[in-house]
């Protein structure tokens, strides 16, 4: 096929582009230059199936593996001869080579591109952080869980995520340098220690007030009765085999945070597997009013790995305080959560995957975070909540929002709830359908049916007790089940 036949009047010239021999930077330049219009219909699908395109891609791929960088002369020649199809072929070849540097892939073993893996580990991106590209190029570690038989857009053809600058500006992006944190590897499930901590409403009382005829509430944490329970919680976590602890919303205060740090100053107990603790969230910070802040801490170093301030306050609807039988009622309804709101979600690059934290109402109000988290390819969401018991029989908001996250992002979603509201209203709930833990994740990386995603429902016996699985997919445990688990991010 001649160049004129291949590209016709729509041949794409890259003569005006500055091409880098850095494979990641070159990918960004070509990806941004190739119009999305080619991916809206059958054109790109035809390229993808075409044997000539595959041979060109393999030529680029093998050249990068041989030399460790990209041949810009070869790139220009392929695009000059084959137009947009040639540019697509170069992108596919670069993508194959970059996948060899993906720590979440199955073929993570190419010596010549190991420098790209090192760059990702140190800087949280594959592209040169000091180079001329904007935005990020990230290795894939999740794939949307919706049912499709073929790619549905430009991004779906590749195993890297091109994150444009406007999406980068909408999150706080950080990288956990390997030597400073826990390491997760392998295909085995990673056990979770989901702990409710709070048992009674008087441990986290609602306080109502009015301001300019607007009803407001804060939730105060009664610290002192909880210190002994924290000690027991830590013992239980370190004796359980859990690797990640996840506590609920409004289970943290400045005093409890100090006590946690005291506990973390001690050496881990023999046999402990605990690596991370998400200490739940609560009024922590100097702002007025305080934010509802979640904190993730490394067990071994005591380092704060991630902080997230709730971005969407929860509004108690008219009559909701009465429905929850709260001992104190507002005089003005509805009632807004009185917190200083966070403005962005933090996305953290880790050996587990690309993780983020949302707090309760955050996951319901997805307008501000869903598009950037999809662009980043987030693989794990941890969601502390304060709510009535999680139900399996009734498809309530936890299941609805969690299943959507698996659909849209392909992410694992971990909900951790306290016992306080459930115990306060226990007379209204079925004891067999009463859970404080829900873990949702993809049944497979390439779903074949519209079946619901994989779900684990767990229950704790008290505030310091870890949730054990009662329902796991289609299986029910009559006796105490295992700890819930998640899997490491995957490029496949």
Protein backbone atom coordinates (compact mmCIF):
# COMPACT_ATOMS: atom_id res chain seq x y z
CA UNK A 1 0.00 0.00 0.00
CA UNK A 2 1.43 3.37 -0.95
CA UNK A 3 1.56 6.35 1.38
CA UNK A 4 -1.11 8.05 -0.69
CA UNK A 5 -3.36 4.98 -0.49
CA UNK A 6 -2.74 4.59 3.24
CA UNK A 7 -3.16 8.16 4.39
CA UNK A 8 -4.73 9.87 1.41
CA UNK A 9 -5.49 13.53 1.93
CA UNK A 10 -5.70 12.86 5.68
CA UNK A 11 -2.07 11.83 6.12
CA UNK A 12 -0.71 13.20 9.37
CA UNK A 13 2.62 15.03 9.37
CA UNK A 14 4.77 15.20 12.50
CA UNK A 15 7.42 17.38 10.89
CA UNK A 16 6.48 20.23 13.22
CA UNK A 17 6.70 18.13 16.38
CA UNK A 18 9.78 17.81 18.53
CA UNK A 19 10.20 14.09 19.11
CA UNK A 20 12.03 12.67 22.11
CA UNK A 21 13.94 9.40 22.23
CA UNK A 22 12.44 8.90 25.69
CA UNK A 23 9.72 6.27 25.03
CA UNK A 24 7.28 7.73 27.56
CA UNK A 25 7.71 11.32 26.40
CA UNK A 26 7.40 10.22 22.77
CA UNK A 27 4.20 8.35 23.59
CA UNK A 28 2.67 11.50 25.09
CA UNK A 29 3.63 13.62 22.07
CA UNK A 30 2.13 11.19 19.56
CA UNK A 31 -0.93 10.34 21.67
CA UNK A 32 -1.84 14.01 22.00
CA UNK A 33 -1.22 14.61 18.29
CA UNK A 34 -3.39 11.72 17.03
CA UNK A 35 -6.98 13.06 16.83
CA UNK A 36 -9.65 11.34 18.92
CA UNK A 37 -11.92 11.26 15.85
CA UNK A 38 -10.09 8.16 14.58
CA UNK A 39 -11.34 6.25 17.64
CA UNK A 40 -15.04 7.11 17.48
CA UNK A 41 -15.96 4.59 14.80
CA UNK A 42 -14.44 1.54 13.17
CA UNK A 43 -11.23 3.13 11.87
CA UNK A 44 -8.98 2.46 14.88
CA UNK A 45 -10.50 -1.00 15.35
CA UNK A 46 -9.48 -1.78 11.79
CA UNK A 47 -5.96 -0.56 12.44
CA UNK A 48 -5.78 -2.68 15.57
CA UNK A 49 -6.66 -5.86 13.65
CA UNK A 50 -4.49 -5.09 10.65
CA UNK A 51 -1.46 -7.33 10.20
CA UNK A 52 0.70 -4.60 8.67
CA UNK A 53 -0.03 -2.32 11.62
CA UNK A 54 0.90 -5.08 14.04
CA UNK A 55 4.19 -5.67 12.23
CA UNK A 56 5.05 -1.96 12.37
CA UNK A 57 4.19 -1.90 16.09
CA UNK A 58 6.39 -4.92 16.71
CA UNK A 59 9.28 -3.22 14.90
CA UNK A 60 9.00 -0.22 17.23
CA UNK A 61 8.58 -2.44 20.29
CA UNK A 62 11.64 -4.58 19.54
CA UNK A 63 13.73 -1.53 18.73
CA UNK A 64 12.94 0.01 22.14
CA UNK A 65 13.68 -3.28 23.91
CA UNK A 66 17.00 -3.58 22.07
CA UNK A 67 18.22 -0.06 22.81
CA UNK A 68 16.23 1.14 25.83
CA UNK A 69 15.06 4.25 24.03
CA UNK A 70 13.02 5.17 20.95
CA UNK A 71 14.31 5.75 17.43
CA UNK A 72 12.85 9.09 16.34
CA UNK A 73 14.02 8.54 12.75
CA UNK A 74 12.06 5.27 12.61
CA UNK A 75 9.03 7.05 14.06
CA UNK A 76 9.14 9.79 11.44
CA UNK A 77 9.57 7.26 8.64
CA UNK A 78 6.59 5.15 9.74
CA UNK A 79 4.31 8.17 10.12
CA UNK A 80 5.46 9.67 6.81
CA UNK A 81 4.66 6.43 4.99
CA UNK A 82 1.48 5.40 6.75
CA UNK A 83 -0.12 8.54 8.14
CA UNK A 84 -2.44 8.25 11.14
CA UNK A 85 -2.32 4.45 10.98
CA UNK A 86 1.45 4.66 11.25
CA UNK A 87 1.20 6.95 14.25
CA UNK A 88 -1.16 4.45 15.86
CA UNK A 89 1.31 1.64 15.10
CA UNK A 90 4.14 3.54 16.78
CA UNK A 91 1.94 4.17 19.82
CA UNK A 92 1.06 0.47 20.07
CA UNK A 93 4.75 -0.44 19.84
CA UNK A 94 5.73 2.09 22.49
CA UNK A 95 2.86 0.88 24.67
CA UNK A 96 4.11 -2.71 24.44
CA UNK A 97 7.59 -1.58 25.45
CA UNK A 98 6.32 0.59 28.29
CA UNK A 99 4.29 -2.35 29.58
CA UNK A 100 7.58 -4.17 30.11
CA UNK A 101 8.39 -1.46 32.66
CA UNK A 102 4.98 -1.74 34.38
CA UNK A 103 5.42 -3.09 37.93
CA UNK A 104 1.77 -4.22 37.85
CA UNK A 105 2.23 -6.29 34.67
CA UNK A 106 3.02 -9.95 34.19
CA UNK A 107 6.03 -9.27 31.93
CA UNK A 108 7.93 -6.95 34.24
CA UNK A 109 11.42 -8.18 33.39
CA UNK A 110 13.06 -6.16 30.59
CA UNK A 111 16.49 -4.92 31.63
CA UNK A 112 16.72 -2.26 28.93
CA UNK A 113 13.62 -0.40 30.15
CA UNK A 114 14.23 -0.92 33.87
CA UNK A 115 15.23 2.75 34.06
CA UNK A 116 11.61 3.64 33.31
CA UNK A 117 10.46 1.45 36.20
CA UNK A 118 12.95 3.22 38.45
CA UNK A 119 11.66 6.60 37.28
CA UNK A 120 8.08 5.57 38.08
CA UNK A 121 9.11 4.31 41.53
CA UNK A 122 10.88 7.57 42.37
CA UNK A 123 8.65 10.15 40.72
CA UNK A 124 5.26 8.47 40.28
CA UNK A 125 5.24 8.80 36.48
CA UNK A 126 6.77 7.19 33.42
CA UNK A 127 7.41 10.43 31.55
CA UNK A 128 10.33 12.68 32.44
CA UNK A 129 9.18 14.99 35.28
CA UNK A 130 11.75 17.55 34.11
CA UNK A 131 11.02 17.10 30.41
CA UNK A 132 8.91 19.07 27.99
CA UNK A 133 5.73 17.03 28.24
CA UNK A 134 2.82 18.17 30.37
CA UNK A 135 0.61 16.00 32.50
CA UNK A 136 1.51 12.40 33.29
CA UNK A 137 1.96 8.99 31.76
CA UNK A 138 1.15 6.22 34.24
CA UNK A 139 1.27 2.42 34.09
CA UNK A 140 -2.14 0.79 34.05
CA UNK A 141 -3.15 -1.05 37.22
CA UNK A 142 -6.94 -1.17 36.74
CA UNK A 143 -9.39 -1.50 33.87
CA UNK A 144 -13.05 -0.36 33.93
CA UNK A 145 -15.39 -3.20 34.86
CA UNK A 146 -18.11 -2.49 32.30
CA UNK A 147 -18.96 -5.21 29.80
CA UNK A 148 -17.48 -4.50 26.36
CA UNK A 149 -16.11 -6.74 23.64
CA UNK A 150 -13.82 -4.10 22.13
CA UNK A 151 -12.18 -0.81 23.10
CA UNK A 152 -14.67 2.03 23.52
CA UNK A 153 -12.31 4.97 23.13
CA UNK A 154 -8.75 6.04 22.54
CA UNK A 155 -7.53 5.31 26.07
CA UNK A 156 -8.82 1.73 26.00
CA UNK A 157 -6.33 0.67 23.33
CA UNK A 158 -3.32 1.14 25.59
CA UNK A 159 -1.85 -0.18 28.83
CA UNK A 160 -0.70 3.22 29.99
CA UNK A 161 -2.80 6.14 31.19
CA UNK A 162 -2.25 9.48 29.51
CA UNK A 163 -3.35 11.98 32.16
CA UNK A 164 -3.66 15.49 30.68
CA UNK A 165 -2.66 18.51 32.74
CA UNK A 166 -6.24 19.65 33.37
CA UNK A 167 -6.97 16.30 35.06
CA UNK A 168 -3.72 16.49 37.04
CA UNK A 169 -4.80 19.89 38.34
CA UNK A 170 -7.97 18.35 39.81
CA UNK A 171 -6.21 15.98 42.23
CA UNK A 172 -3.27 15.94 44.61
CA UNK A 173 -0.89 13.39 43.15
CA UNK A 174 1.84 11.80 45.25
CA UNK A 175 4.20 8.85 45.08
CA UNK A 176 5.12 6.51 47.92
CA UNK A 177 8.84 5.90 47.43
CA UNK A 178 9.45 2.15 47.93
CA UNK A 179 12.12 2.48 50.62
CA UNK A 180 9.75 4.62 52.71
CA UNK A 181 6.77 2.33 52.74
CA UNK A 182 5.19 -1.10 52.75
CA UNK A 183 5.61 -3.40 49.79
CA UNK A 184 2.76 -5.42 48.33
CA UNK A 185 3.46 -8.03 45.67
CA UNK A 186 2.16 -11.27 44.23
CA UNK A 187 -1.30 -12.50 43.32
CA UNK A 188 -2.48 -13.65 46.75
CA UNK A 189 -5.33 -11.77 48.42
CA UNK A 190 -4.31 -8.98 50.79
CA UNK A 191 -6.17 -9.33 54.10
CA UNK A 192 -8.01 -6.34 55.53
CA UNK A 193 -8.59 -5.47 59.17
CA UNK A 194 -11.87 -3.55 59.01
CA UNK A 195 -12.56 -2.33 62.54
CA UNK A 196 -15.67 -0.34 63.61
CA UNK A 197 -14.15 1.08 66.85
CA UNK A 198 -17.24 3.14 67.77
CA UNK A 199 -19.96 1.14 69.56
CA UNK A 200 -22.41 3.71 70.93
CA UNK A 201 -23.76 7.08 69.81
CA UNK A 202 -22.59 8.72 73.04
CA UNK A 203 -19.04 8.08 71.82
CA UNK A 204 -19.67 10.32 68.82
CA UNK A 205 -22.57 12.64 69.78
CA UNK A 206 -24.22 15.01 67.30
CA UNK A 207 -24.17 18.68 68.34
CA UNK A 208 -26.62 21.04 66.62
CA UNK A 209 -26.60 24.81 66.27
CA UNK A 210 -27.99 27.57 64.06
CA UNK A 211 -26.16 30.21 62.08
CA UNK A 212 -28.07 32.80 60.06
CA UNK A 213 -31.17 30.58 60.16
CA UNK A 214 -29.14 27.67 58.79
CA UNK A 215 -29.04 24.41 60.71
CA UNK A 216 -25.54 23.03 61.30
CA UNK A 217 -24.15 20.01 63.10
CA UNK A 218 -20.81 18.73 64.27
CA UNK A 219 -19.92 15.30 65.58
CA UNK A 220 -17.71 15.33 68.65
CA UNK A 221 -15.52 12.37 69.62
CA UNK A 222 -15.42 11.35 73.28
CA UNK A 223 -11.77 10.34 73.37
CA UNK A 224 -10.94 9.10 76.81
CA UNK A 225 -13.18 6.03 77.04
CA UNK A 226 -11.70 4.86 73.72
CA UNK A 227 -8.00 4.68 74.59
CA UNK A 228 -8.23 1.20 76.08
CA UNK A 229 -10.27 0.08 73.07
CA UNK A 230 -7.55 1.41 70.76
CA UNK A 231 -5.00 -0.71 72.63
CA UNK A 232 -7.17 -3.78 72.12
CA UNK A 233 -7.76 -2.87 68.47
CA UNK A 234 -4.02 -2.69 67.85
CA UNK A 235 -3.47 -6.07 69.49
CA UNK A 236 -6.25 -7.62 67.43
CA UNK A 237 -4.89 -6.17 64.19
CA UNK A 238 -1.36 -7.40 64.80
CA UNK A 239 -2.52 -10.88 65.78
CA UNK A 240 -4.93 -11.24 62.86
CA UNK A 241 -2.70 -11.43 59.79
CA UNK A 242 -4.33 -8.32 58.35
CA UNK A 243 -2.05 -6.16 56.21
CA UNK A 244 -4.24 -3.05 55.96
CA UNK A 245 -6.47 -1.66 58.73
CA UNK A 246 -9.50 0.40 57.74
CA UNK A 247 -11.52 2.33 60.35
CA UNK A 248 -14.74 4.28 59.80
CA UNK A 249 -15.81 7.90 59.60
CA UNK A 250 -15.84 9.88 62.86
CA UNK A 251 -13.57 7.40 64.62
CA UNK A 252 -10.67 9.85 64.89
CA UNK A 253 -9.82 12.98 66.85
CA UNK A 254 -6.63 14.84 67.72
CA UNK A 255 -6.43 12.93 71.01
CA UNK A 256 -7.01 9.54 69.37
CA UNK A 257 -4.46 10.37 66.69
CA UNK A 258 -1.87 11.08 69.40
CA UNK A 259 -2.70 7.76 71.06
CA UNK A 260 -2.38 5.93 67.75
CA UNK A 261 1.04 7.48 67.25
CA UNK A 262 2.10 6.31 70.71
CA UNK A 263 1.02 2.78 69.82
CA UNK A 264 2.87 2.96 66.51
CA UNK A 265 6.08 3.99 68.27
CA UNK A 266 6.35 0.44 69.62
CA UNK A 267 7.85 -2.46 67.70
CA UNK A 268 5.33 -4.65 65.84
CA UNK A 269 4.33 -7.81 67.66
CA UNK A 270 6.01 -11.02 66.46
CA UNK A 271 4.18 -12.36 63.44
CA UNK A 272 2.39 -9.10 62.68
CA UNK A 273 1.66 -8.55 58.97
CA UNK A 274 0.20 -5.07 59.46
CA UNK A 275 1.61 -2.50 57.04
CA UNK A 276 -0.93 0.33 56.71
CA UNK A 277 -3.56 1.83 58.99
CA UNK A 278 -6.32 4.04 57.66
CA UNK A 279 -7.31 5.57 60.99
CA UNK A 280 -10.79 6.51 59.85
CA UNK A 281 -11.71 10.17 59.82
CA UNK A 282 -12.76 12.90 62.19
CA UNK A 283 -12.29 16.51 63.31
CA UNK A 284 -8.51 16.75 63.01
CA UNK A 285 -6.82 19.99 61.99
CA UNK A 286 -6.47 23.63 62.98
CA UNK A 287 -9.06 25.01 60.55
CA UNK A 288 -12.26 26.58 61.86
CA UNK A 289 -14.48 24.61 61.60
CA UNK A 290 -12.19 21.58 61.56
CA UNK A 291 -12.19 19.37 58.47
CA UNK A 292 -13.42 15.80 58.51
CA UNK A 293 -9.97 14.34 57.84
CA UNK A 294 -8.90 10.77 57.09
CA UNK A 295 -5.28 9.76 57.70
CA UNK A 296 -3.36 6.78 56.32
CA UNK A 297 -0.23 5.81 58.28
CA UNK A 298 2.59 3.35 57.68
CA UNK A 299 2.86 0.85 60.53
CA UNK A 300 6.63 0.41 60.34
CA UNK A 301 7.78 3.99 59.82
CA UNK A 302 4.91 5.91 61.46
CA UNK A 303 4.90 8.14 58.38
CA UNK A 304 1.67 9.78 57.27
CA UNK A 305 1.18 8.48 53.74
CA UNK A 306 -2.04 10.24 52.79
CA UNK A 307 -4.49 12.77 54.18
CA UNK A 308 -7.93 13.40 52.74
CA UNK A 309 -10.37 16.07 53.87
CA UNK A 310 -13.99 15.26 53.12
CA UNK A 311 -15.03 17.22 50.04
CA UNK A 312 -18.82 16.82 50.32
CA UNK A 313 -20.56 17.43 53.63
CA UNK A 314 -23.56 15.28 54.50
CA UNK A 315 -26.89 17.02 55.03
CA UNK A 316 -29.34 15.55 57.52
CA UNK A 317 -32.71 15.76 55.81
CA UNK A 318 -35.82 17.05 57.52
CA UNK A 319 -36.96 14.35 59.91
CA UNK A 320 -33.77 12.31 59.65
CA UNK A 321 -32.59 13.09 63.19
CA UNK A 322 -35.94 11.82 64.44
CA UNK A 323 -35.76 8.76 62.20
CA UNK A 324 -32.33 7.96 63.64
CA UNK A 325 -33.77 8.53 67.13
CA UNK A 326 -30.95 10.92 68.01
CA UNK A 327 -31.16 11.96 71.68
CA UNK A 328 -30.74 15.64 70.70
CA UNK A 329 -32.72 17.10 67.78
CA UNK A 330 -32.10 20.16 65.61
CA UNK A 331 -34.47 23.12 65.78
CA UNK A 332 -33.90 23.94 62.11
CA UNK A 333 -33.90 21.36 59.32
CA UNK A 334 -32.32 20.30 57.01
CA UNK A 335 -28.95 20.40 58.80
CA UNK A 336 -25.55 20.69 57.12
CA UNK A 337 -22.32 19.09 58.31
CA UNK A 338 -20.24 21.95 59.73
CA UNK A 339 -16.75 21.23 58.41
CA UNK A 340 -14.08 22.93 56.34
CA UNK A 341 -14.32 21.10 53.04
CA UNK A 342 -11.37 19.67 51.18
CA UNK A 343 -10.94 20.80 47.60
CA UNK A 344 -9.25 17.78 45.98
CA UNK A 345 -8.88 14.03 46.26
CA UNK A 346 -5.36 12.68 46.80
CA UNK A 347 -4.13 9.95 44.45
CA UNK A 348 -1.17 7.98 45.80
CA UNK A 349 1.12 5.73 43.75
CA UNK A 350 1.96 2.62 45.80
CA UNK A 351 3.05 -0.98 45.30
CA UNK A 352 -0.56 -1.98 46.05
CA UNK A 353 -1.83 0.14 43.18
CA UNK A 354 -3.05 3.67 42.64
CA UNK A 355 -5.12 4.43 45.73
CA UNK A 356 -7.46 7.15 46.97
CA UNK A 357 -9.68 7.78 49.99
CA UNK A 358 -13.24 9.09 49.90
CA UNK A 359 -15.32 9.76 53.02
CA UNK A 360 -18.98 8.72 53.07
CA UNK A 361 -20.90 11.44 51.17
CA UNK A 362 -17.88 11.99 48.90
CA UNK A 363 -18.63 8.77 47.04
CA UNK A 364 -22.24 9.84 46.45
CA UNK A 365 -21.25 13.22 45.01
CA UNK A 366 -18.98 12.03 42.23
CA UNK A 367 -19.09 15.02 39.86
CA UNK A 368 -15.75 16.47 40.95
CA UNK A 369 -13.70 13.28 41.33
CA UNK A 370 -14.99 10.61 38.95
CA UNK A 371 -13.45 11.93 35.71
CA UNK A 372 -9.97 12.59 37.15
CA UNK A 373 -9.87 9.28 39.02
CA UNK A 374 -10.79 7.49 35.80
CA UNK A 375 -8.10 9.42 33.93
CA UNK A 376 -5.55 8.38 36.57
CA UNK A 377 -6.71 4.76 36.56
CA UNK A 378 -7.23 4.48 40.32
CA UNK A 379 -7.25 0.84 41.42
CA UNK A 380 -8.31 1.01 45.09
CA UNK A 381 -10.75 3.24 46.98
CA UNK A 382 -11.00 3.19 50.78
CA UNK A 383 -14.25 4.68 52.08
CA UNK A 384 -14.82 5.32 55.82
CA UNK A 385 -18.53 5.88 56.48
CA UNK A 386 -20.93 6.68 59.32
CA UNK A 387 -24.28 5.14 58.52
CA UNK A 388 -26.92 2.65 59.51
CA UNK A 389 -25.85 -0.99 59.03
CA UNK A 390 -24.84 -2.10 55.55
CA UNK A 391 -27.43 -4.43 54.04
CA UNK A 392 -26.97 -7.28 51.58
CA UNK A 393 -30.66 -7.85 50.92
CA UNK A 394 -31.42 -4.22 50.16
CA UNK A 395 -29.36 -2.61 47.40
CA UNK A 396 -28.67 0.61 49.30
CA UNK A 397 -26.31 3.49 48.60
CA UNK A 398 -23.14 1.63 49.58
CA UNK A 399 -23.73 -1.12 47.03
CA UNK A 400 -25.02 1.29 44.38
CA UNK A 401 -22.05 3.67 44.55
CA UNK A 402 -19.53 0.87 45.02
CA UNK A 403 -20.74 -1.08 42.01
CA UNK A 404 -20.59 2.08 39.93
CA UNK A 405 -16.95 2.60 40.94
CA UNK A 406 -16.11 -0.93 39.81
CA UNK A 407 -17.95 -0.30 36.54
CA UNK A 408 -16.40 3.08 35.78
CA UNK A 409 -12.93 2.65 37.29
CA UNK A 410 -12.40 -1.09 37.71
CA UNK A 411 -11.37 -0.32 41.28
CA UNK A 412 -11.60 -2.27 44.52
CA UNK A 413 -13.86 -0.40 46.99
CA UNK A 414 -13.62 -0.93 50.76
CA UNK A 415 -16.39 0.47 53.00
CA UNK A 416 -15.81 0.61 56.76
CA UNK A 417 -18.73 1.54 59.04
CA UNK A 418 -18.99 1.94 62.81
CA UNK A 419 -21.50 0.10 65.00
CA UNK A 420 -22.88 3.19 66.73
CA UNK A 421 -26.00 3.93 64.67
CA UNK A 422 -26.71 0.26 64.17
CA UNK A 423 -26.57 -0.52 67.89
CA UNK A 424 -28.71 2.53 68.63
CA UNK A 425 -31.35 1.27 66.18
CA UNK A 426 -30.75 -2.47 66.51
CA UNK A 427 -34.45 -3.15 67.13
CA UNK A 428 -35.15 -2.03 63.55
CA UNK A 429 -32.65 -4.23 61.70
CA UNK A 430 -32.48 -7.89 60.77
CA UNK A 431 -29.53 -9.30 62.76
CA UNK A 432 -28.70 -11.59 59.82
CA UNK A 433 -28.51 -8.63 57.43
CA UNK A 434 -26.36 -6.37 59.59
CA UNK A 435 -22.84 -5.59 58.36
CA UNK A 436 -20.19 -2.98 59.03
CA UNK A 437 -17.87 -3.95 56.18
CA UNK A 438 -18.41 -4.18 52.43
CA UNK A 439 -15.66 -4.91 49.91
CA UNK A 440 -16.45 -4.77 46.20
CA UNK A 441 -14.18 -5.60 43.30
CA UNK A 442 -14.08 -6.89 39.74
CA UNK A 443 -14.90 -10.58 39.31
CA UNK A 444 -12.55 -10.59 36.35
CA UNK A 445 -10.51 -8.09 34.37
CA UNK A 446 -12.57 -8.90 31.27
CA UNK A 447 -16.21 -9.44 32.37
CA UNK A 448 -18.31 -11.75 30.21
CA UNK A 449 -21.76 -11.10 31.71
CA UNK A 450 -23.75 -8.35 33.41
CA UNK A 451 -23.58 -10.12 36.78
CA UNK A 452 -22.99 -8.02 39.88
CA UNK A 453 -19.39 -7.49 40.86
CA UNK A 454 -17.63 -9.55 43.50
CA UNK A 455 -18.87 -8.58 47.00
CA UNK A 456 -17.76 -9.49 50.52
CA UNK A 457 -20.01 -8.58 53.46
CA UNK A 458 -18.32 -8.63 56.87
CA UNK A 459 -19.39 -8.23 60.48
CA UNK A 460 -17.57 -7.35 63.73
CA UNK A 461 -18.70 -8.50 67.16
CA UNK A 462 -17.60 -5.32 68.96
CA UNK A 463 -15.78 -2.05 68.43
CA UNK A 464 -12.29 -3.55 68.63
CA UNK A 465 -13.20 -6.64 66.62
CA UNK A 466 -12.15 -7.17 63.04
CA UNK A 467 -14.92 -7.81 60.53
CA UNK A 468 -15.02 -11.39 59.31
CA UNK A 469 -16.70 -12.34 56.07
CA UNK A 470 -20.25 -13.68 56.31
CA UNK A 471 -21.09 -13.57 52.59
CA UNK A 472 -18.35 -13.91 49.98
CA UNK A 473 -19.67 -13.83 46.43
CA UNK A 474 -22.17 -16.70 46.35
CA UNK A 475 -20.81 -18.35 49.50
CA UNK A 476 -22.15 -17.93 53.04
CA UNK A 477 -20.09 -18.83 56.12
CA UNK A 478 -22.11 -20.38 58.92
CA UNK A 479 -19.20 -20.11 61.33
CA UNK A 480 -16.65 -17.31 61.44
CA UNK A 481 -15.36 -16.63 57.96
CA UNK A 482 -11.99 -15.24 56.90
CA UNK A 483 -10.93 -11.63 56.87
CA UNK A 484 -12.06 -9.75 53.76
CA UNK A 485 -9.43 -9.31 51.09
CA UNK A 486 -8.46 -7.31 48.05
CA UNK A 487 -6.00 -7.92 45.25
CA UNK A 488 -3.10 -5.88 44.04
CA UNK A 489 -3.58 -3.68 40.98
CA UNK A 490 -3.12 -5.38 37.63
CA UNK A 491 -2.19 -4.18 34.15
CA UNK A 492 -4.10 -7.01 32.46
